[in-house]
Amino acid sequence: MKLENKGFITILTGLYSFQDCVHFLASVRKFHREPIIVLIDRVPLILYPLLLVFGNVRLQPAPKNENPVLASRQAKISLAQTSHFEKTIYMDCDICLLSPIDEVFDYLDEVDLLVTEDVQPAIAKAVNLLRFKQDILLTLQSVGLPLNEHSIQYNGGFIAFKRSSKNQELFKYFKKYFDLVVANQNVLLLKDQGAFAAAIESVKPKLKILSPAYNYLDKWKNIYTIDSPIKVMHCTYPYRPQYAKNVTRSLLTRIFDRTAKIFLPNQLNNPWRLK
């Protein structure tokens, strides 16, 4: 398969995130013409046209799993294999683009990987990865994750990478360590950040850490110190700066949002988010 120069990827596994994904596509298409791959599962075929209407959108099967959260995580660790591009920007589908981000593609001329730090970057303090209160670093190490007191937790909602042998190795280790997370669900939550940090720790790709302006979570707005305009709004539950309506508002999305309240399940009631 001949690779294209650059493009975007997101993941949609289940109806709970369908409304998010529609707004995600609307926001990206407002600023970019590059192709967008949606790794999709557990969405009725009758709804596909609502995604394809944005143009140059490609729907590819995501890993199948009854648990849409696990399917989404499995899709993320397969990004290096599923991307058709030399340069790829992956974003969670609950992200809204607020401006063009062409410079991110340009940065990949110099580095393998572009990431943003989590709001709590120190792995040794990453209580969000554990099911119970206990020694974080010791617990992560005990299940086989090669992390230390200097390891950084990156937010997996925004990952840009180029096609390279280093990144092929990175995603191979990402899968290896995520399998450990899945195998230790008695102590770990079903999250990918610990596995991703462990993969970066093992492979040590040439990376650039972007500012929070590229992965801004409104829930944590009082924590950030940002001296540049926000480019990427990452919406989190139950906090919904609803997709920056001035960006994605159109006749189509207005009609869709009204009918979504009736026909689509509410993400706030998604039982899989608590498993």
C-alpha atoms as a PDB file:
ATOM      1  CA  MET A   1       0.000   0.000   0.000  1.00  0.00           C
ATOM      2  CA  LYS A   2       1.382   3.391  -1.008  1.00  0.00           C
ATOM      3  CA  LEU A   3       1.308   5.752   1.958  1.00  0.00           C
ATOM      4  CA  GLU A   4      -0.170   9.230   1.706  1.00  0.00           C
ATOM      5  CA  ASN A   5       1.729  12.180   3.109  1.00  0.00           C
ATOM      6  CA  LYS A   6      -0.428  13.137   6.095  1.00  0.00           C
ATOM      7  CA  GLY A   7      -3.811  12.682   7.724  1.00  0.00           C
ATOM      8  CA  PHE A   8      -5.854  12.318  10.888  1.00  0.00           C
ATOM      9  CA  ILE A   9      -7.166   9.306  12.822  1.00  0.00           C
ATOM     10  CA  THR A  10      -9.804   9.013  15.528  1.00  0.00           C
ATOM     11  CA  ILE A  11     -11.624   6.116  17.209  1.00  0.00           C
ATOM     12  CA  LEU A  12     -15.374   5.537  17.572  1.00  0.00           C
ATOM     13  CA  THR A  13     -16.372   2.360  19.406  1.00  0.00           C
ATOM     14  CA  GLY A  14     -20.040   2.432  20.306  1.00  0.00           C
ATOM     15  CA  LEU A  15     -22.889   4.918  20.216  1.00  0.00           C
ATOM     16  CA  TYR A  16     -21.986   6.717  23.440  1.00  0.00           C
ATOM     17  CA  SER A  17     -19.335   8.743  21.596  1.00  0.00           C
ATOM     18  CA  PHE A  18     -21.192   9.152  18.301  1.00  0.00           C
ATOM     19  CA  GLN A  19     -22.292  12.745  18.914  1.00  0.00           C
ATOM     20  CA  ASP A  20     -18.756  13.652  19.949  1.00  0.00           C
ATOM     21  CA  CYS A  21     -17.385  12.165  16.749  1.00  0.00           C
ATOM     22  CA  VAL A  22     -19.738  14.164  14.533  1.00  0.00           C
ATOM     23  CA  HIS A  23     -18.518  17.382  16.140  1.00  0.00           C
ATOM     24  CA  PHE A  24     -14.916  16.212  15.983  1.00  0.00           C
ATOM     25  CA  LEU A  25     -15.193  15.679  12.228  1.00  0.00           C
ATOM     26  CA  ALA A  26     -16.915  19.045  11.777  1.00  0.00           C
ATOM     27  CA  SER A  27     -14.126  20.826  13.665  1.00  0.00           C
ATOM     28  CA  VAL A  28     -11.264  19.138  11.818  1.00  0.00           C
ATOM     29  CA  ARG A  29     -12.909  19.697   8.445  1.00  0.00           C
ATOM     30  CA  LYS A  30     -13.342  23.398   9.186  1.00  0.00           C
ATOM     31  CA  PHE A  31      -9.560  23.841   9.187  1.00  0.00           C
ATOM     32  CA  HIS A  32      -8.095  20.891   7.285  1.00  0.00           C
ATOM     33  CA  ARG A  33      -8.682  19.039   4.019  1.00  0.00           C
ATOM     34  CA  GLU A  34      -6.505  16.003   4.820  1.00  0.00           C
ATOM     35  CA  PRO A  35      -8.191  12.584   5.000  1.00  0.00           C
ATOM     36  CA  ILE A  36      -9.628  11.455   8.332  1.00  0.00           C
ATOM     37  CA  ILE A  37      -9.690   7.769   9.274  1.00  0.00           C
ATOM     38  CA  VAL A  38     -12.315   6.702  11.808  1.00  0.00           C
ATOM     39  CA  LEU A  39     -11.628   3.329  13.425  1.00  0.00           C
ATOM     40  CA  ILE A  40     -15.202   2.256  14.091  1.00  0.00           C
ATOM     41  CA  ASP A  41     -17.109  -0.534  15.824  1.00  0.00           C
ATOM     42  CA  ARG A  42     -20.582  -1.137  17.290  1.00  0.00           C
ATOM     43  CA  VAL A  43     -22.204   1.645  15.265  1.00  0.00           C
ATOM     44  CA  PRO A  44     -25.205   0.805  13.014  1.00  0.00           C
ATOM     45  CA  LEU A  45     -24.514   1.130   9.290  1.00  0.00           C
ATOM     46  CA  ILE A  46     -27.517   3.443   8.946  1.00  0.00           C
ATOM     47  CA  LEU A  47     -25.567   6.128  10.849  1.00  0.00           C
ATOM     48  CA  TYR A  48     -22.443   5.973   8.691  1.00  0.00           C
ATOM     49  CA  PRO A  49     -23.638   8.727   6.289  1.00  0.00           C
ATOM     50  CA  LEU A  50     -23.633  11.208   9.183  1.00  0.00           C
ATOM     51  CA  LEU A  51     -19.872  10.659   9.431  1.00  0.00           C
ATOM     52  CA  LEU A  52     -19.125  10.453   5.712  1.00  0.00           C
ATOM     53  CA  VAL A  53     -20.931  13.712   4.951  1.00  0.00           C
ATOM     54  CA  PHE A  54     -17.854  15.692   6.019  1.00  0.00           C
ATOM     55  CA  GLY A  55     -15.886  14.474   3.015  1.00  0.00           C
ATOM     56  CA  ASN A  56     -12.682  12.450   2.685  1.00  0.00           C
ATOM     57  CA  VAL A  57     -13.648  10.431   5.776  1.00  0.00           C
ATOM     58  CA  ARG A  58     -12.676   6.750   5.748  1.00  0.00           C
ATOM     59  CA  LEU A  59     -14.323   4.251   8.046  1.00  0.00           C
ATOM     60  CA  GLN A  60     -12.129   1.297   9.024  1.00  0.00           C
ATOM     61  CA  PRO A  61     -13.031  -1.539  11.426  1.00  0.00           C
ATOM     62  CA  ALA A  62     -11.785  -1.142  14.972  1.00  0.00           C
ATOM     63  CA  PRO A  63     -11.032  -4.209  17.111  1.00  0.00           C
ATOM     64  CA  LYS A  64     -14.289  -5.846  18.159  1.00  0.00           C
ATOM     65  CA  ASN A  65     -15.061  -6.136  21.842  1.00  0.00           C
ATOM     66  CA  GLU A  66     -18.214  -6.096  23.920  1.00  0.00           C
ATOM     67  CA  ASN A  67     -16.530  -3.453  26.076  1.00  0.00           C
ATOM     68  CA  PRO A  68     -16.293  -0.323  23.876  1.00  0.00           C
ATOM     69  CA  VAL A  69     -13.702   1.213  26.198  1.00  0.00           C
ATOM     70  CA  LEU A  70     -11.404  -1.794  25.789  1.00  0.00           C
ATOM     71  CA  ALA A  71     -12.036  -1.806  22.023  1.00  0.00           C
ATOM     72  CA  SER A  72     -11.013   1.852  21.913  1.00  0.00           C
ATOM     73  CA  ARG A  73      -7.798   1.153  23.823  1.00  0.00           C
ATOM     74  CA  GLN A  74      -7.003  -1.772  21.521  1.00  0.00           C
ATOM     75  CA  ALA A  75      -7.575   0.442  18.495  1.00  0.00           C
ATOM     76  CA  LYS A  76      -5.159   3.014  19.888  1.00  0.00           C
ATOM     77  CA  ILE A  77      -2.315   0.533  20.278  1.00  0.00           C
ATOM     78  CA  SER A  78      -2.855  -0.477  16.623  1.00  0.00           C
ATOM     79  CA  LEU A  79      -2.449   3.054  15.219  1.00  0.00           C
ATOM     80  CA  ALA A  80       0.918   2.390  13.599  1.00  0.00           C
ATOM     81  CA  GLN A  81      -0.611  -0.478  11.613  1.00  0.00           C
ATOM     82  CA  THR A  82      -3.907   1.194  10.723  1.00  0.00           C
ATOM     83  CA  SER A  83      -2.532   4.553   9.597  1.00  0.00           C
ATOM     84  CA  HIS A  84      -2.213   5.095   5.840  1.00  0.00           C
ATOM     85  CA  PHE A  85      -0.015   8.145   6.281  1.00  0.00           C
ATOM     86  CA  GLU A  86       3.646   9.083   6.518  1.00  0.00           C
ATOM     87  CA  LYS A  87       2.606  11.621   9.174  1.00  0.00           C
ATOM     88  CA  THR A  88      -0.375  10.941  11.415  1.00  0.00           C
ATOM     89  CA  ILE A  89      -2.211  13.022  13.989  1.00  0.00           C
ATOM     90  CA  TYR A  90      -4.368  10.906  16.288  1.00  0.00           C
ATOM     91  CA  MET A  91      -6.987  12.651  18.438  1.00  0.00           C
ATOM     92  CA  ASP A  92      -9.718  11.257  20.677  1.00  0.00           C
ATOM     93  CA  CYS A  93     -13.155  11.842  19.177  1.00  0.00           C
ATOM     94  CA  ASP A  94     -14.219  14.028  22.111  1.00  0.00           C
ATOM     95  CA  ILE A  95     -11.749  16.653  20.896  1.00  0.00           C
ATOM     96  CA  CYS A  96     -12.688  19.863  19.116  1.00  0.00           C
ATOM     97  CA  LEU A  97     -10.133  21.613  16.942  1.00  0.00           C
ATOM     98  CA  LEU A  98     -10.195  25.388  17.453  1.00  0.00           C
ATOM     99  CA  SER A  99      -7.664  26.379  14.790  1.00  0.00           C
ATOM    100  CA  PRO A 100      -5.429  24.841  12.115  1.00  0.00           C
ATOM    101  CA  ILE A 101      -2.549  22.708  13.399  1.00  0.00           C
ATOM    102  CA  ASP A 102      -0.434  22.355  10.245  1.00  0.00           C
ATOM    103  CA  GLU A 103       2.692  23.007  12.302  1.00  0.00           C
ATOM    104  CA  VAL A 104       2.229  19.663  14.058  1.00  0.00           C
ATOM    105  CA  PHE A 105       2.786  17.856  10.766  1.00  0.00           C
ATOM    106  CA  ASP A 106       5.849  20.043  10.175  1.00  0.00           C
ATOM    107  CA  TYR A 107       7.320  19.178  13.587  1.00  0.00           C
ATOM    108  CA  LEU A 108       7.359  15.520  12.536  1.00  0.00           C
ATOM    109  CA  ASP A 109      10.148  16.322  10.076  1.00  0.00           C
ATOM    110  CA  GLU A 110      12.432  16.597  13.103  1.00  0.00           C
ATOM    111  CA  VAL A 111      11.074  14.081  15.647  1.00  0.00           C
ATOM    112  CA  ASP A 112       9.399  10.676  15.758  1.00  0.00           C
ATOM    113  CA  LEU A 113       6.631  11.522  18.181  1.00  0.00           C
ATOM    114  CA  LEU A 114       4.657  14.507  19.469  1.00  0.00           C
ATOM    115  CA  VAL A 115       2.752  14.253  22.755  1.00  0.00           C
ATOM    116  CA  THR A 116       1.313  16.367  25.559  1.00  0.00           C
ATOM    117  CA  GLU A 117       1.862  15.741  29.239  1.00  0.00           C
ATOM    118  CA  ASP A 118      -1.056  14.733  31.410  1.00  0.00           C
ATOM    119  CA  VAL A 119      -2.311  17.284  33.939  1.00  0.00           C
ATOM    120  CA  GLN A 120      -0.631  15.065  36.537  1.00  0.00           C
ATOM    121  CA  PRO A 121       2.552  14.168  34.622  1.00  0.00           C
ATOM    122  CA  ALA A 122       4.555  12.406  37.361  1.00  0.00           C
ATOM    123  CA  ILE A 123       3.863   8.672  37.095  1.00  0.00           C
ATOM    124  CA  ALA A 124       4.689   8.319  40.791  1.00  0.00           C
ATOM    125  CA  LYS A 125       1.596  10.461  41.535  1.00  0.00           C
ATOM    126  CA  ALA A 126      -0.715   9.016  38.852  1.00  0.00           C
ATOM    127  CA  VAL A 127      -3.555   7.879  41.105  1.00  0.00           C
ATOM    128  CA  ASN A 128      -5.815   7.837  38.030  1.00  0.00           C
ATOM    129  CA  LEU A 129      -4.197   4.562  36.911  1.00  0.00           C
ATOM    130  CA  LEU A 130      -5.050   2.494  40.014  1.00  0.00           C
ATOM    131  CA  ARG A 131      -8.274   0.980  41.317  1.00  0.00           C
ATOM    132  CA  PHE A 132      -7.301   1.338  44.968  1.00  0.00           C
ATOM    133  CA  LYS A 133      -5.168   3.656  47.058  1.00  0.00           C
ATOM    134  CA  GLN A 134      -1.721   2.123  47.260  1.00  0.00           C
ATOM    135  CA  ASP A 135       1.910   2.811  46.341  1.00  0.00           C
ATOM    136  CA  ILE A 136       1.575   3.847  42.706  1.00  0.00           C
ATOM    137  CA  LEU A 137       5.074   3.257  41.399  1.00  0.00           C
ATOM    138  CA  LEU A 138       5.518  -0.007  43.274  1.00  0.00           C
ATOM    139  CA  THR A 139       2.162  -1.292  41.958  1.00  0.00           C
ATOM    140  CA  LEU A 140       2.962  -0.395  38.347  1.00  0.00           C
ATOM    141  CA  GLN A 141       6.392  -1.999  38.595  1.00  0.00           C
ATOM    142  CA  SER A 142       4.949  -5.134  40.218  1.00  0.00           C
ATOM    143  CA  VAL A 143       2.825  -5.888  37.137  1.00  0.00           C
ATOM    144  CA  GLY A 144       5.844  -5.505  34.826  1.00  0.00           C
ATOM    145  CA  LEU A 145       5.746  -1.866  33.675  1.00  0.00           C
ATOM    146  CA  PRO A 146       9.343  -0.526  33.498  1.00  0.00           C
ATOM    147  CA  LEU A 147       8.605   2.834  35.103  1.00  0.00           C
ATOM    148  CA  ASN A 148      10.576   4.864  37.638  1.00  0.00           C
ATOM    149  CA  GLU A 149      10.288   8.054  39.673  1.00  0.00           C
ATOM    150  CA  HIS A 150      11.293  10.117  36.634  1.00  0.00           C
ATOM    151  CA  SER A 151       8.711   8.600  34.259  1.00  0.00           C
ATOM    152  CA  ILE A 152       6.141  10.925  32.739  1.00  0.00           C
ATOM    153  CA  GLN A 153       2.448  10.271  32.154  1.00  0.00           C
ATOM    154  CA  TYR A 154       1.376  11.547  28.735  1.00  0.00           C
ATOM    155  CA  ASN A 155      -2.227  12.168  27.756  1.00  0.00           C
ATOM    156  CA  GLY A 156      -3.092   9.656  25.039  1.00  0.00           C
ATOM    157  CA  GLY A 157      -5.839  11.871  23.626  1.00  0.00           C
ATOM    158  CA  PHE A 158      -3.377  13.574  21.267  1.00  0.00           C
ATOM    159  CA  ILE A 159      -0.527  11.654  19.629  1.00  0.00           C
ATOM    160  CA  ALA A 160       1.264  12.655  16.437  1.00  0.00           C
ATOM    161  CA  PHE A 161       3.773  10.279  14.885  1.00  0.00           C
ATOM    162  CA  LYS A 162       5.575   9.592  11.640  1.00  0.00           C
ATOM    163  CA  ARG A 163       6.180   6.319   9.863  1.00  0.00           C
ATOM    164  CA  SER A 164       9.498   5.049  11.198  1.00  0.00           C
ATOM    165  CA  SER A 165      11.097   1.885  12.542  1.00  0.00           C
ATOM    166  CA  LYS A 166      11.358   3.578  15.935  1.00  0.00           C
ATOM    167  CA  ASN A 167       7.610   4.123  16.083  1.00  0.00           C
ATOM    168  CA  GLN A 168       6.900   0.591  14.890  1.00  0.00           C
ATOM    169  CA  GLU A 169       8.925  -0.562  17.877  1.00  0.00           C
ATOM    170  CA  LEU A 170       7.162   1.925  20.150  1.00  0.00           C
ATOM    171  CA  PHE A 171       3.696   0.642  19.300  1.00  0.00           C
ATOM    172  CA  LYS A 172       4.887  -2.950  19.626  1.00  0.00           C
ATOM    173  CA  TYR A 173       5.916  -2.205  23.213  1.00  0.00           C
ATOM    174  CA  PHE A 174       2.721  -0.181  23.746  1.00  0.00           C
ATOM    175  CA  LYS A 175       0.718  -3.337  22.977  1.00  0.00           C
ATOM    176  CA  LYS A 176       2.964  -5.500  25.158  1.00  0.00           C
ATOM    177  CA  TYR A 177       2.526  -3.248  28.176  1.00  0.00           C
ATOM    178  CA  PHE A 178      -1.176  -2.638  27.614  1.00  0.00           C
ATOM    179  CA  ASP A 179      -1.683  -6.408  27.663  1.00  0.00           C
ATOM    180  CA  LEU A 180      -0.184  -6.299  31.164  1.00  0.00           C
ATOM    181  CA  VAL A 181      -2.684  -3.609  32.153  1.00  0.00           C
ATOM    182  CA  VAL A 182      -5.564  -5.774  30.910  1.00  0.00           C
ATOM    183  CA  ALA A 183      -4.169  -8.824  32.711  1.00  0.00           C
ATOM    184  CA  ASN A 184      -4.040  -6.918  35.999  1.00  0.00           C
ATOM    185  CA  GLN A 185      -7.491  -5.376  36.145  1.00  0.00           C
ATOM    186  CA  ASN A 186      -7.720  -6.331  39.804  1.00  0.00           C
ATOM    187  CA  VAL A 187      -5.396  -3.422  40.643  1.00  0.00           C
ATOM    188  CA  LEU A 188      -5.215  -1.253  37.502  1.00  0.00           C
ATOM    189  CA  LEU A 189      -7.913   0.757  35.766  1.00  0.00           C
ATOM    190  CA  LEU A 190      -8.474   0.152  32.055  1.00  0.00           C
ATOM    191  CA  LYS A 191      -6.345   3.084  30.913  1.00  0.00           C
ATOM    192  CA  ASP A 192      -3.578   3.310  28.340  1.00  0.00           C
ATOM    193  CA  GLN A 193      -1.367   6.048  29.839  1.00  0.00           C
ATOM    194  CA  GLY A 194       0.748   3.726  31.983  1.00  0.00           C
ATOM    195  CA  ALA A 195       1.428   1.378  29.068  1.00  0.00           C
ATOM    196  CA  PHE A 196       2.206   4.297  26.766  1.00  0.00           C
ATOM    197  CA  ALA A 197       4.632   5.805  29.288  1.00  0.00           C
ATOM    198  CA  ALA A 198       6.307   2.410  29.710  1.00  0.00           C
ATOM    199  CA  ALA A 199       6.683   2.034  25.937  1.00  0.00           C
ATOM    200  CA  ILE A 200       8.295   5.471  25.670  1.00  0.00           C
ATOM    201  CA  GLU A 201      10.560   4.606  28.602  1.00  0.00           C
ATOM    202  CA  SER A 202      11.658   1.403  26.840  1.00  0.00           C
ATOM    203  CA  VAL A 203      12.067   2.640  23.264  1.00  0.00           C
ATOM    204  CA  LYS A 204      13.070   6.263  23.891  1.00  0.00           C
ATOM    205  CA  PRO A 205      11.895   7.730  20.580  1.00  0.00           C
ATOM    206  CA  LYS A 206      12.911  11.236  19.617  1.00  0.00           C
ATOM    207  CA  LEU A 207       9.940  13.176  20.932  1.00  0.00           C
ATOM    208  CA  LYS A 208       8.703  16.702  21.364  1.00  0.00           C
ATOM    209  CA  ILE A 209       6.353  17.637  24.177  1.00  0.00           C
ATOM    210  CA  LEU A 210       3.707  20.103  23.047  1.00  0.00           C
ATOM    211  CA  SER A 211       2.119  22.679  25.324  1.00  0.00           C
ATOM    212  CA  PRO A 212      -1.333  22.113  26.891  1.00  0.00           C
ATOM    213  CA  ALA A 213      -2.715  24.362  24.147  1.00  0.00           C
ATOM    214  CA  TYR A 214      -2.698  21.217  21.987  1.00  0.00           C
ATOM    215  CA  ASN A 215      -4.681  19.120  24.480  1.00  0.00           C
ATOM    216  CA  TYR A 216      -6.614  21.471  26.745  1.00  0.00           C
ATOM    217  CA  LEU A 217      -8.988  19.809  29.197  1.00  0.00           C
ATOM    218  CA  ASP A 218     -11.494  22.357  30.426  1.00  0.00           C
ATOM    219  CA  LYS A 219     -11.982  20.414  33.667  1.00  0.00           C
ATOM    220  CA  TRP A 220      -8.435  21.369  34.687  1.00  0.00           C
ATOM    221  CA  LYS A 221      -8.423  24.967  33.429  1.00  0.00           C
ATOM    222  CA  ASN A 222      -7.309  26.341  36.814  1.00  0.00           C
ATOM    223  CA  ILE A 223      -4.138  24.249  36.708  1.00  0.00           C
ATOM    224  CA  TYR A 224      -2.779  25.341  33.333  1.00  0.00           C
ATOM    225  CA  THR A 225      -0.380  28.165  32.632  1.00  0.00           C
ATOM    226  CA  ILE A 226      -0.754  28.865  28.921  1.00  0.00           C
ATOM    227  CA  ASP A 227       0.616  31.883  27.096  1.00  0.00           C
ATOM    228  CA  SER A 228      -0.773  31.020  23.649  1.00  0.00           C
ATOM    229  CA  PRO A 229      -4.256  30.473  22.178  1.00  0.00           C
ATOM    230  CA  ILE A 230      -5.852  27.062  22.775  1.00  0.00           C
ATOM    231  CA  LYS A 231      -5.745  25.036  19.579  1.00  0.00           C
ATOM    232  CA  VAL A 232      -7.149  21.665  20.689  1.00  0.00           C
ATOM    233  CA  MET A 233     -10.063  21.490  23.148  1.00  0.00           C
ATOM    234  CA  HIS A 234     -10.373  18.094  24.829  1.00  0.00           C
ATOM    235  CA  CYS A 235     -13.840  17.713  26.319  1.00  0.00           C
ATOM    236  CA  THR A 236     -14.187  15.632  29.473  1.00  0.00           C
ATOM    237  CA  TYR A 237     -17.195  14.311  31.356  1.00  0.00           C
ATOM    238  CA  PRO A 238     -19.174  15.708  32.998  1.00  0.00           C
ATOM    239  CA  TYR A 239     -17.580  18.971  31.872  1.00  0.00           C
ATOM    240  CA  ARG A 240     -18.805  19.718  28.347  1.00  0.00           C
ATOM    241  CA  PRO A 241     -17.649  22.986  26.778  1.00  0.00           C
ATOM    242  CA  GLN A 242     -19.924  21.617  24.117  1.00  0.00           C
ATOM    243  CA  TYR A 243     -17.537  21.411  21.203  1.00  0.00           C
ATOM    244  CA  ALA A 244     -17.005  25.202  21.007  1.00  0.00           C
ATOM    245  CA  LYS A 245     -20.265  25.740  19.155  1.00  0.00           C
ATOM    246  CA  ASN A 246     -18.934  28.680  17.167  1.00  0.00           C
ATOM    247  CA  VAL A 247     -16.575  26.201  15.484  1.00  0.00           C
ATOM    248  CA  THR A 248     -18.895  23.308  14.656  1.00  0.00           C
ATOM    249  CA  ARG A 249     -22.275  25.017  14.500  1.00  0.00           C
ATOM    250  CA  SER A 250     -24.099  24.460  11.225  1.00  0.00           C
ATOM    251  CA  LEU A 251     -27.604  23.590  10.128  1.00  0.00           C
ATOM    252  CA  LEU A 252     -26.586  19.925  10.008  1.00  0.00           C
ATOM    253  CA  THR A 253     -25.101  19.819  13.519  1.00  0.00           C
ATOM    254  CA  ARG A 254     -27.974  21.838  14.998  1.00  0.00           C
ATOM    255  CA  ILE A 255     -30.541  19.391  13.625  1.00  0.00           C
ATOM    256  CA  PHE A 256     -28.381  16.435  14.619  1.00  0.00           C
ATOM    257  CA  ASP A 257     -27.895  17.670  18.202  1.00  0.00           C
ATOM    258  CA  ARG A 258     -31.626  18.022  18.721  1.00  0.00           C
ATOM    259  CA  THR A 259     -32.380  14.517  17.460  1.00  0.00           C
ATOM    260  CA  ALA A 260     -29.355  13.058  19.306  1.00  0.00           C
ATOM    261  CA  LYS A 261     -31.017  13.891  22.627  1.00  0.00           C
ATOM    262  CA  ILE A 262     -33.831  11.531  21.664  1.00  0.00           C
ATOM    263  CA  PHE A 263     -32.090   8.705  19.806  1.00  0.00           C
ATOM    264  CA  LEU A 264     -28.554   8.433  21.199  1.00  0.00           C
ATOM    265  CA  PRO A 265     -27.502   7.199  24.651  1.00  0.00           C
ATOM    266  CA  ASN A 266     -26.127   9.768  27.072  1.00  0.00           C
ATOM    267  CA  GLN A 267     -22.372   9.411  27.628  1.00  0.00           C
ATOM    268  CA  LEU A 268     -22.821  10.414  31.271  1.00  0.00           C
ATOM    269  CA  ASN A 269     -24.721   7.163  31.773  1.00  0.00           C
ATOM    270  CA  ASN A 270     -22.161   4.992  29.992  1.00  0.00           C
ATOM    271  CA  PRO A 271     -21.658   2.000  32.364  1.00  0.00           C
ATOM    272  CA  TRP A 272     -18.449   0.928  30.597  1.00  0.00           C
ATOM    273  CA  ARG A 273     -16.625   4.050  31.788  1.00  0.00           C
ATOM    274  CA  LEU A 274     -16.790   2.718  35.355  1.00  0.00           C
ATOM    275  CA  LYS A 275     -15.516  -0.800  34.660  1.00  0.00           C
END
